[in-house]
Amino acid sequence: MPAGVHGDCSLSEKGKGPPRFTVRIDQQLAEETQVYILLHEWAHALSWGSESHRIRAHGPEWGIAMSRIWQALVED
């Protein structure tokens, strides 16, 4: 990963069926940080769906997805 990048999410397969995403996380980070980055990148995947090219990286759709993830964690 490039310096300063701790994780990323990308659409890895386009075509028929649901979109597939790849999430990469820097394994040199502390475990707690890796979990937070996983949740952050998961929110990208949830907000993008198959429209990753049309959604701002940290726009309102991402914020809603992140809120839903945190809400699910708190409720369980």
PDB file of N, CA and C in Angstrom:
ATOM      1  N   MET A   1       0.836  -1.177   0.000  1.00  0.00           N
ATOM      2  CA  MET A   1       0.000   0.000   0.000  1.00  0.00           C
ATOM      3  C   MET A   1       0.877   1.235   0.000  1.00  0.00           C
ATOM      4  N   PRO A   2       0.404   2.301  -0.629  1.00  0.00           N
ATOM      5  CA  PRO A   2       1.169   3.552  -0.619  1.00  0.00           C
ATOM      6  C   PRO A   2       1.315   4.102   0.799  1.00  0.00           C
ATOM      7  N   ALA A   3       2.387   4.830   1.027  1.00  0.00           N
ATOM      8  CA  ALA A   3       2.611   5.438   2.342  1.00  0.00           C
ATOM      9  C   ALA A   3       1.415   6.296   2.737  1.00  0.00           C
ATOM     10  N   GLY A   4       0.999   6.184   3.983  1.00  0.00           N
ATOM     11  CA  GLY A   4      -0.113   6.981   4.479  1.00  0.00           C
ATOM     12  C   GLY A   4      -1.468   6.353   4.246  1.00  0.00           C
ATOM     13  N   VAL A   5      -1.513   5.255   3.496  1.00  0.00           N
ATOM     14  CA  VAL A   5      -2.786   4.579   3.240  1.00  0.00           C
ATOM     15  C   VAL A   5      -2.835   3.344   4.139  1.00  0.00           C
ATOM     16  N   HIS A   6      -3.848   3.266   4.980  1.00  0.00           N
ATOM     17  CA  HIS A   6      -3.956   2.148   5.916  1.00  0.00           C
ATOM     18  C   HIS A   6      -4.949   1.102   5.458  1.00  0.00           C
ATOM     19  N   GLY A   7      -5.768   1.450   4.466  1.00  0.00           N
ATOM     20  CA  GLY A   7      -6.733   0.499   3.939  1.00  0.00           C
ATOM     21  C   GLY A   7      -7.424   1.097   2.736  1.00  0.00           C
ATOM     22  N   ASP A   8      -8.032   0.216   1.944  1.00  0.00           N
ATOM     23  CA  ASP A   8      -8.818   0.702   0.817  1.00  0.00           C
ATOM     24  C   ASP A   8      -9.867  -0.329   0.428  1.00  0.00           C
ATOM     25  N   CYS A   9     -10.809   0.137  -0.355  1.00  0.00           N
ATOM     26  CA  CYS A   9     -11.908  -0.701  -0.834  1.00  0.00           C
ATOM     27  C   CYS A   9     -12.065  -0.421  -2.320  1.00  0.00           C
ATOM     28  N   SER A  10     -12.195  -1.477  -3.101  1.00  0.00           N
ATOM     29  CA  SER A  10     -12.391  -1.280  -4.529  1.00  0.00           C
ATOM     30  C   SER A  10     -13.376  -2.307  -5.071  1.00  0.00           C
ATOM     31  N   LEU A  11     -14.079  -1.910  -6.110  1.00  0.00           N
ATOM     32  CA  LEU A  11     -14.994  -2.805  -6.801  1.00  0.00           C
ATOM     33  C   LEU A  11     -14.128  -3.757  -7.601  1.00  0.00           C
ATOM     34  N   SER A  12     -14.184  -5.050  -7.276  1.00  0.00           N
ATOM     35  CA  SER A  12     -13.253  -5.985  -7.892  1.00  0.00           C
ATOM     36  C   SER A  12     -13.853  -6.766  -9.049  1.00  0.00           C
ATOM     37  N   GLU A  13     -15.159  -6.758  -9.179  1.00  0.00           N
ATOM     38  CA  GLU A  13     -15.773  -7.519 -10.259  1.00  0.00           C
ATOM     39  C   GLU A  13     -17.065  -6.862 -10.689  1.00  0.00           C
ATOM     40  N   LYS A  14     -17.157  -6.544 -11.954  1.00  0.00           N
ATOM     41  CA  LYS A  14     -18.390  -5.995 -12.498  1.00  0.00           C
ATOM     42  C   LYS A  14     -19.039  -7.058 -13.366  1.00  0.00           C
ATOM     43  N   GLY A  15     -20.321  -6.973 -13.520  1.00  0.00           N
ATOM     44  CA  GLY A  15     -21.007  -7.936 -14.376  1.00  0.00           C
ATOM     45  C   GLY A  15     -22.284  -8.400 -13.734  1.00  0.00           C
ATOM     46  N   LYS A  16     -22.682  -9.609 -14.072  1.00  0.00           N
ATOM     47  CA  LYS A  16     -23.920 -10.170 -13.538  1.00  0.00           C
ATOM     48  C   LYS A  16     -23.781 -10.477 -12.056  1.00  0.00           C
ATOM     49  N   GLY A  17     -24.910 -10.386 -11.375  1.00  0.00           N
ATOM     50  CA  GLY A  17     -24.916 -10.683  -9.953  1.00  0.00           C
ATOM     51  C   GLY A  17     -24.552  -9.473  -9.128  1.00  0.00           C
ATOM     52  N   PRO A  18     -24.504  -9.669  -7.812  1.00  0.00           N
ATOM     53  CA  PRO A  18     -24.174  -8.545  -6.923  1.00  0.00           C
ATOM     54  C   PRO A  18     -22.727  -8.118  -7.102  1.00  0.00           C
ATOM     55  N   PRO A  19     -22.434  -6.849  -6.802  1.00  0.00           N
ATOM     56  CA  PRO A  19     -21.050  -6.384  -6.918  1.00  0.00           C
ATOM     57  C   PRO A  19     -20.166  -7.093  -5.896  1.00  0.00           C
ATOM     58  N   ARG A  20     -18.894  -7.225  -6.225  1.00  0.00           N
ATOM     59  CA  ARG A  20     -17.910  -7.820  -5.315  1.00  0.00           C
ATOM     60  C   ARG A  20     -16.831  -6.782  -5.044  1.00  0.00           C
ATOM     61  N   PHE A  21     -16.473  -6.680  -3.788  1.00  0.00           N
ATOM     62  CA  PHE A  21     -15.501  -5.685  -3.378  1.00  0.00           C
ATOM     63  C   PHE A  21     -14.277  -6.356  -2.770  1.00  0.00           C
ATOM     64  N   THR A  22     -13.165  -5.686  -2.885  1.00  0.00           N
ATOM     65  CA  THR A  22     -11.933  -6.105  -2.233  1.00  0.00           C
ATOM     66  C   THR A  22     -11.569  -5.034  -1.212  1.00  0.00           C
ATOM     67  N   VAL A  23     -11.344  -5.460   0.022  1.00  0.00           N
ATOM     68  CA  VAL A  23     -10.907  -4.558   1.081  1.00  0.00           C
ATOM     69  C   VAL A  23      -9.503  -4.989   1.474  1.00  0.00           C
ATOM     70  N   ARG A  24      -8.584  -4.019   1.481  1.00  0.00           N
ATOM     71  CA  ARG A  24      -7.206  -4.275   1.902  1.00  0.00           C
ATOM     72  C   ARG A  24      -6.920  -3.437   3.137  1.00  0.00           C
ATOM     73  N   ILE A  25      -6.229  -4.052   4.101  1.00  0.00           N
ATOM     74  CA  ILE A  25      -5.904  -3.377   5.360  1.00  0.00           C
ATOM     75  C   ILE A  25      -4.431  -3.625   5.673  1.00  0.00           C
ATOM     76  N   ASP A  26      -3.730  -2.582   6.088  1.00  0.00           N
ATOM     77  CA  ASP A  26      -2.336  -2.685   6.483  1.00  0.00           C
ATOM     78  C   ASP A  26      -2.225  -3.576   7.723  1.00  0.00           C
ATOM     79  N   GLN A  27      -1.567  -4.708   7.588  1.00  0.00           N
ATOM     80  CA  GLN A  27      -1.468  -5.657   8.693  1.00  0.00           C
ATOM     81  C   GLN A  27      -0.445  -5.257   9.746  1.00  0.00           C
ATOM     82  N   GLN A  28       0.279  -4.185   9.504  1.00  0.00           N
ATOM     83  CA  GLN A  28       1.251  -3.704  10.480  1.00  0.00           C
ATOM     84  C   GLN A  28       0.588  -2.874  11.578  1.00  0.00           C
ATOM     85  N   LEU A  29      -0.681  -2.538  11.386  1.00  0.00           N
ATOM     86  CA  LEU A  29      -1.402  -1.714  12.357  1.00  0.00           C
ATOM     87  C   LEU A  29      -1.869  -2.556  13.535  1.00  0.00           C
ATOM     88  N   ALA A  30      -2.153  -1.887  14.631  1.00  0.00           N
ATOM     89  CA  ALA A  30      -2.716  -2.560  15.801  1.00  0.00           C
ATOM     90  C   ALA A  30      -4.071  -3.180  15.418  1.00  0.00           C
ATOM     91  N   GLU A  31      -4.406  -4.285  16.057  1.00  0.00           N
ATOM     92  CA  GLU A  31      -5.639  -5.008  15.741  1.00  0.00           C
ATOM     93  C   GLU A  31      -6.879  -4.114  15.853  1.00  0.00           C
ATOM     94  N   GLU A  32      -6.958  -3.310  16.893  1.00  0.00           N
ATOM     95  CA  GLU A  32      -8.113  -2.423  17.080  1.00  0.00           C
ATOM     96  C   GLU A  32      -8.231  -1.435  15.910  1.00  0.00           C
ATOM     97  N   THR A  33      -7.116  -0.928  15.439  1.00  0.00           N
ATOM     98  CA  THR A  33      -7.116  -0.012  14.296  1.00  0.00           C
ATOM     99  C   THR A  33      -7.550  -0.736  13.031  1.00  0.00           C
ATOM    100  N   GLN A  34      -7.096  -1.976  12.856  1.00  0.00           N
ATOM    101  CA  GLN A  34      -7.509  -2.758  11.694  1.00  0.00           C
ATOM    102  C   GLN A  34      -9.020  -2.968  11.672  1.00  0.00           C
ATOM    103  N   VAL A  35      -9.612  -3.216  12.821  1.00  0.00           N
ATOM    104  CA  VAL A  35     -11.062  -3.408  12.895  1.00  0.00           C
ATOM    105  C   VAL A  35     -11.777  -2.118  12.495  1.00  0.00           C
ATOM    106  N   TYR A  36     -11.330  -0.987  13.007  1.00  0.00           N
ATOM    107  CA  TYR A  36     -11.952   0.289  12.642  1.00  0.00           C
ATOM    108  C   TYR A  36     -11.839   0.532  11.138  1.00  0.00           C
ATOM    109  N   ILE A  37     -10.673   0.260  10.562  1.00  0.00           N
ATOM    110  CA  ILE A  37     -10.484   0.466   9.127  1.00  0.00           C
ATOM    111  C   ILE A  37     -11.379  -0.481   8.336  1.00  0.00           C
ATOM    112  N   LEU A  38     -11.532  -1.717   8.794  1.00  0.00           N
ATOM    113  CA  LEU A  38     -12.435  -2.650   8.131  1.00  0.00           C
ATOM    114  C   LEU A  38     -13.857  -2.101   8.107  1.00  0.00           C
ATOM    115  N   LEU A  39     -14.327  -1.569   9.220  1.00  0.00           N
ATOM    116  CA  LEU A  39     -15.678  -0.998   9.272  1.00  0.00           C
ATOM    117  C   LEU A  39     -15.789   0.201   8.336  1.00  0.00           C
ATOM    118  N   HIS A  40     -14.767   1.035   8.302  1.00  0.00           N
ATOM    119  CA  HIS A  40     -14.739   2.207   7.437  1.00  0.00           C
ATOM    120  C   HIS A  40     -14.840   1.784   5.966  1.00  0.00           C
ATOM    121  N   GLU A  41     -14.047   0.803   5.574  1.00  0.00           N
ATOM    122  CA  GLU A  41     -14.037   0.346   4.183  1.00  0.00           C
ATOM    123  C   GLU A  41     -15.321  -0.414   3.843  1.00  0.00           C
ATOM    124  N   TRP A  42     -15.873  -1.125   4.810  1.00  0.00           N
ATOM    125  CA  TRP A  42     -17.145  -1.821   4.614  1.00  0.00           C
ATOM    126  C   TRP A  42     -18.240  -0.799   4.312  1.00  0.00           C
ATOM    127  N   ALA A  43     -18.207   0.331   4.994  1.00  0.00           N
ATOM    128  CA  ALA A  43     -19.183   1.396   4.725  1.00  0.00           C
ATOM    129  C   ALA A  43     -19.060   1.880   3.284  1.00  0.00           C
ATOM    130  N   HIS A  44     -17.842   1.951   2.753  1.00  0.00           N
ATOM    131  CA  HIS A  44     -17.674   2.315   1.343  1.00  0.00           C
ATOM    132  C   HIS A  44     -18.390   1.300   0.455  1.00  0.00           C
ATOM    133  N   ALA A  45     -18.149   0.027   0.704  1.00  0.00           N
ATOM    134  CA  ALA A  45     -18.775  -1.016  -0.120  1.00  0.00           C
ATOM    135  C   ALA A  45     -20.294  -0.947  -0.034  1.00  0.00           C
ATOM    136  N   LEU A  46     -20.825  -0.750   1.161  1.00  0.00           N
ATOM    137  CA  LEU A  46     -22.283  -0.667   1.319  1.00  0.00           C
ATOM    138  C   LEU A  46     -22.859   0.554   0.619  1.00  0.00           C
ATOM    139  N   SER A  47     -22.167   1.670   0.693  1.00  0.00           N
ATOM    140  CA  SER A  47     -22.701   2.889   0.094  1.00  0.00           C
ATOM    141  C   SER A  47     -22.553   2.900  -1.415  1.00  0.00           C
ATOM    142  N   TRP A  48     -21.500   2.285  -1.919  1.00  0.00           N
ATOM    143  CA  TRP A  48     -21.276   2.294  -3.357  1.00  0.00           C
ATOM    144  C   TRP A  48     -22.191   1.346  -4.103  1.00  0.00           C
ATOM    145  N   GLY A  49     -22.399   0.131  -3.585  1.00  0.00           N
ATOM    146  CA  GLY A  49     -23.118  -0.862  -4.369  1.00  0.00           C
ATOM    147  C   GLY A  49     -22.436  -1.000  -5.719  1.00  0.00           C
ATOM    148  N   SER A  50     -23.177  -1.006  -6.776  1.00  0.00           N
ATOM    149  CA  SER A  50     -22.582  -1.114  -8.108  1.00  0.00           C
ATOM    150  C   SER A  50     -22.333   0.259  -8.718  1.00  0.00           C
ATOM    151  N   GLU A  51     -22.551   1.315  -7.933  1.00  0.00           N
ATOM    152  CA  GLU A  51     -22.427   2.691  -8.437  1.00  0.00           C
ATOM    153  C   GLU A  51     -21.214   3.403  -7.851  1.00  0.00           C
ATOM    154  N   SER A  52     -20.109   2.700  -7.656  1.00  0.00           N
ATOM    155  CA  SER A  52     -18.949   3.288  -6.987  1.00  0.00           C
ATOM    156  C   SER A  52     -18.429   4.534  -7.703  1.00  0.00           C
ATOM    157  N   HIS A  53     -18.613   4.622  -8.989  1.00  0.00           N
ATOM    158  CA  HIS A  53     -18.118   5.769  -9.743  1.00  0.00           C
ATOM    159  C   HIS A  53     -18.999   7.003  -9.580  1.00  0.00           C
ATOM    160  N   ARG A  54     -20.166   6.853  -8.974  1.00  0.00           N
ATOM    161  CA  ARG A  54     -21.113   7.979  -8.847  1.00  0.00           C
ATOM    162  C   ARG A  54     -21.266   8.495  -7.419  1.00  0.00           C
ATOM    163  N   ILE A  55     -20.673   7.834  -6.465  1.00  0.00           N
ATOM    164  CA  ILE A  55     -20.856   8.180  -5.051  1.00  0.00           C
ATOM    165  C   ILE A  55     -19.572   8.807  -4.520  1.00  0.00           C
ATOM    166  N   ARG A  56     -19.700   9.967  -3.837  1.00  0.00           N
ATOM    167  CA  ARG A  56     -18.533  10.598  -3.211  1.00  0.00           C
ATOM    168  C   ARG A  56     -17.985   9.690  -2.112  1.00  0.00           C
ATOM    169  N   ALA A  57     -16.670   9.636  -1.997  1.00  0.00           N
ATOM    170  CA  ALA A  57     -16.012   8.720  -1.064  1.00  0.00           C
ATOM    171  C   ALA A  57     -16.529   8.848   0.368  1.00  0.00           C
ATOM    172  N   HIS A  58     -16.689  10.050   0.881  1.00  0.00           N
ATOM    173  CA  HIS A  58     -17.168  10.243   2.253  1.00  0.00           C
ATOM    174  C   HIS A  58     -18.381  11.163   2.268  1.00  0.00           C
ATOM    175  N   GLY A  59     -19.234  10.968   1.288  1.00  0.00           N
ATOM    176  CA  GLY A  59     -20.454  11.759   1.170  1.00  0.00           C
ATOM    177  C   GLY A  59     -21.563  11.230   2.065  1.00  0.00           C
ATOM    178  N   PRO A  60     -22.769  11.725   1.866  1.00  0.00           N
ATOM    179  CA  PRO A  60     -23.892  11.340   2.724  1.00  0.00           C
ATOM    180  C   PRO A  60     -24.204   9.848   2.691  1.00  0.00           C
ATOM    181  N   GLU A  61     -24.058   9.217   1.533  1.00  0.00           N
ATOM    182  CA  GLU A  61     -24.349   7.776   1.445  1.00  0.00           C
ATOM    183  C   GLU A  61     -23.390   6.972   2.322  1.00  0.00           C
ATOM    184  N   TRP A  62     -22.109   7.391   2.299  1.00  0.00           N
ATOM    185  CA  TRP A  62     -21.126   6.721   3.145  1.00  0.00           C
ATOM    186  C   TRP A  62     -21.458   6.942   4.624  1.00  0.00           C
ATOM    187  N   GLY A  63     -21.821   8.159   4.989  1.00  0.00           N
ATOM    188  CA  GLY A  63     -22.161   8.459   6.379  1.00  0.00           C
ATOM    189  C   GLY A  63     -23.328   7.631   6.879  1.00  0.00           C
ATOM    190  N   ILE A  64     -24.327   7.451   6.044  1.00  0.00           N
ATOM    191  CA  ILE A  64     -25.481   6.618   6.420  1.00  0.00           C
ATOM    192  C   ILE A  64     -25.045   5.167   6.602  1.00  0.00           C
ATOM    193  N   ALA A  65     -24.234   4.665   5.673  1.00  0.00           N
ATOM    194  CA  ALA A  65     -23.750   3.282   5.781  1.00  0.00           C
ATOM    195  C   ALA A  65     -22.931   3.094   7.053  1.00  0.00           C
ATOM    196  N   MET A  66     -22.055   4.049   7.362  1.00  0.00           N
ATOM    197  CA  MET A  66     -21.228   3.958   8.572  1.00  0.00           C
ATOM    198  C   MET A  66     -22.101   3.974   9.819  1.00  0.00           C
ATOM    199  N   SER A  67     -23.120   4.813   9.818  1.00  0.00           N
ATOM    200  CA  SER A  67     -24.049   4.869  10.956  1.00  0.00           C
ATOM    201  C   SER A  67     -24.765   3.542  11.150  1.00  0.00           C
ATOM    202  N   ARG A  68     -25.166   2.933  10.061  1.00  0.00           N
ATOM    203  CA  ARG A  68     -25.864   1.636  10.148  1.00  0.00           C
ATOM    204  C   ARG A  68     -24.939   0.549  10.691  1.00  0.00           C
ATOM    205  N   ILE A  69     -23.687   0.576  10.283  1.00  0.00           N
ATOM    206  CA  ILE A  69     -22.725  -0.406  10.787  1.00  0.00           C
ATOM    207  C   ILE A  69     -22.548  -0.244  12.292  1.00  0.00           C
ATOM    208  N   TRP A  70     -22.322   0.989  12.759  1.00  0.00           N
ATOM    209  CA  TRP A  70     -22.142   1.232  14.196  1.00  0.00           C
ATOM    210  C   TRP A  70     -23.398   0.877  14.971  1.00  0.00           C
ATOM    211  N   GLN A  71     -24.559   1.197  14.414  1.00  0.00           N
ATOM    212  CA  GLN A  71     -25.817   0.858  15.081  1.00  0.00           C
ATOM    213  C   GLN A  71     -25.960  -0.645  15.230  1.00  0.00           C
ATOM    214  N   ALA A  72     -25.608  -1.406  14.191  1.00  0.00           N
ATOM    215  CA  ALA A  72     -25.676  -2.873  14.263  1.00  0.00           C
ATOM    216  C   ALA A  72     -24.731  -3.409  15.319  1.00  0.00           C
ATOM    217  N   LEU A  73     -23.553  -2.820  15.462  1.00  0.00           N
ATOM    218  CA  LEU A  73     -22.600  -3.262  16.468  1.00  0.00           C
ATOM    219  C   LEU A  73     -23.088  -2.994  17.883  1.00  0.00           C
ATOM    220  N   VAL A  74     -23.713  -1.840  18.067  1.00  0.00           N
ATOM    221  CA  VAL A  74     -24.187  -1.463  19.411  1.00  0.00           C
ATOM    222  C   VAL A  74     -25.387  -2.319  19.816  1.00  0.00           C
ATOM    223  N   GLU A  75     -26.236  -2.645  18.866  1.00  0.00           N
ATOM    224  CA  GLU A  75     -27.436  -3.419  19.177  1.00  0.00           C
ATOM    225  C   GLU A  75     -27.136  -4.866  19.506  1.00  0.00           C
ATOM    226  N   ASP A  76     -26.027  -5.407  19.016  1.00  0.00           N
ATOM    227  CA  ASP A  76     -25.697  -6.821  19.247  1.00  0.00           C
ATOM    228  C   ASP A  76     -24.966  -7.021  20.512  1.00  0.00           C
TER     229      ASP A  76
END
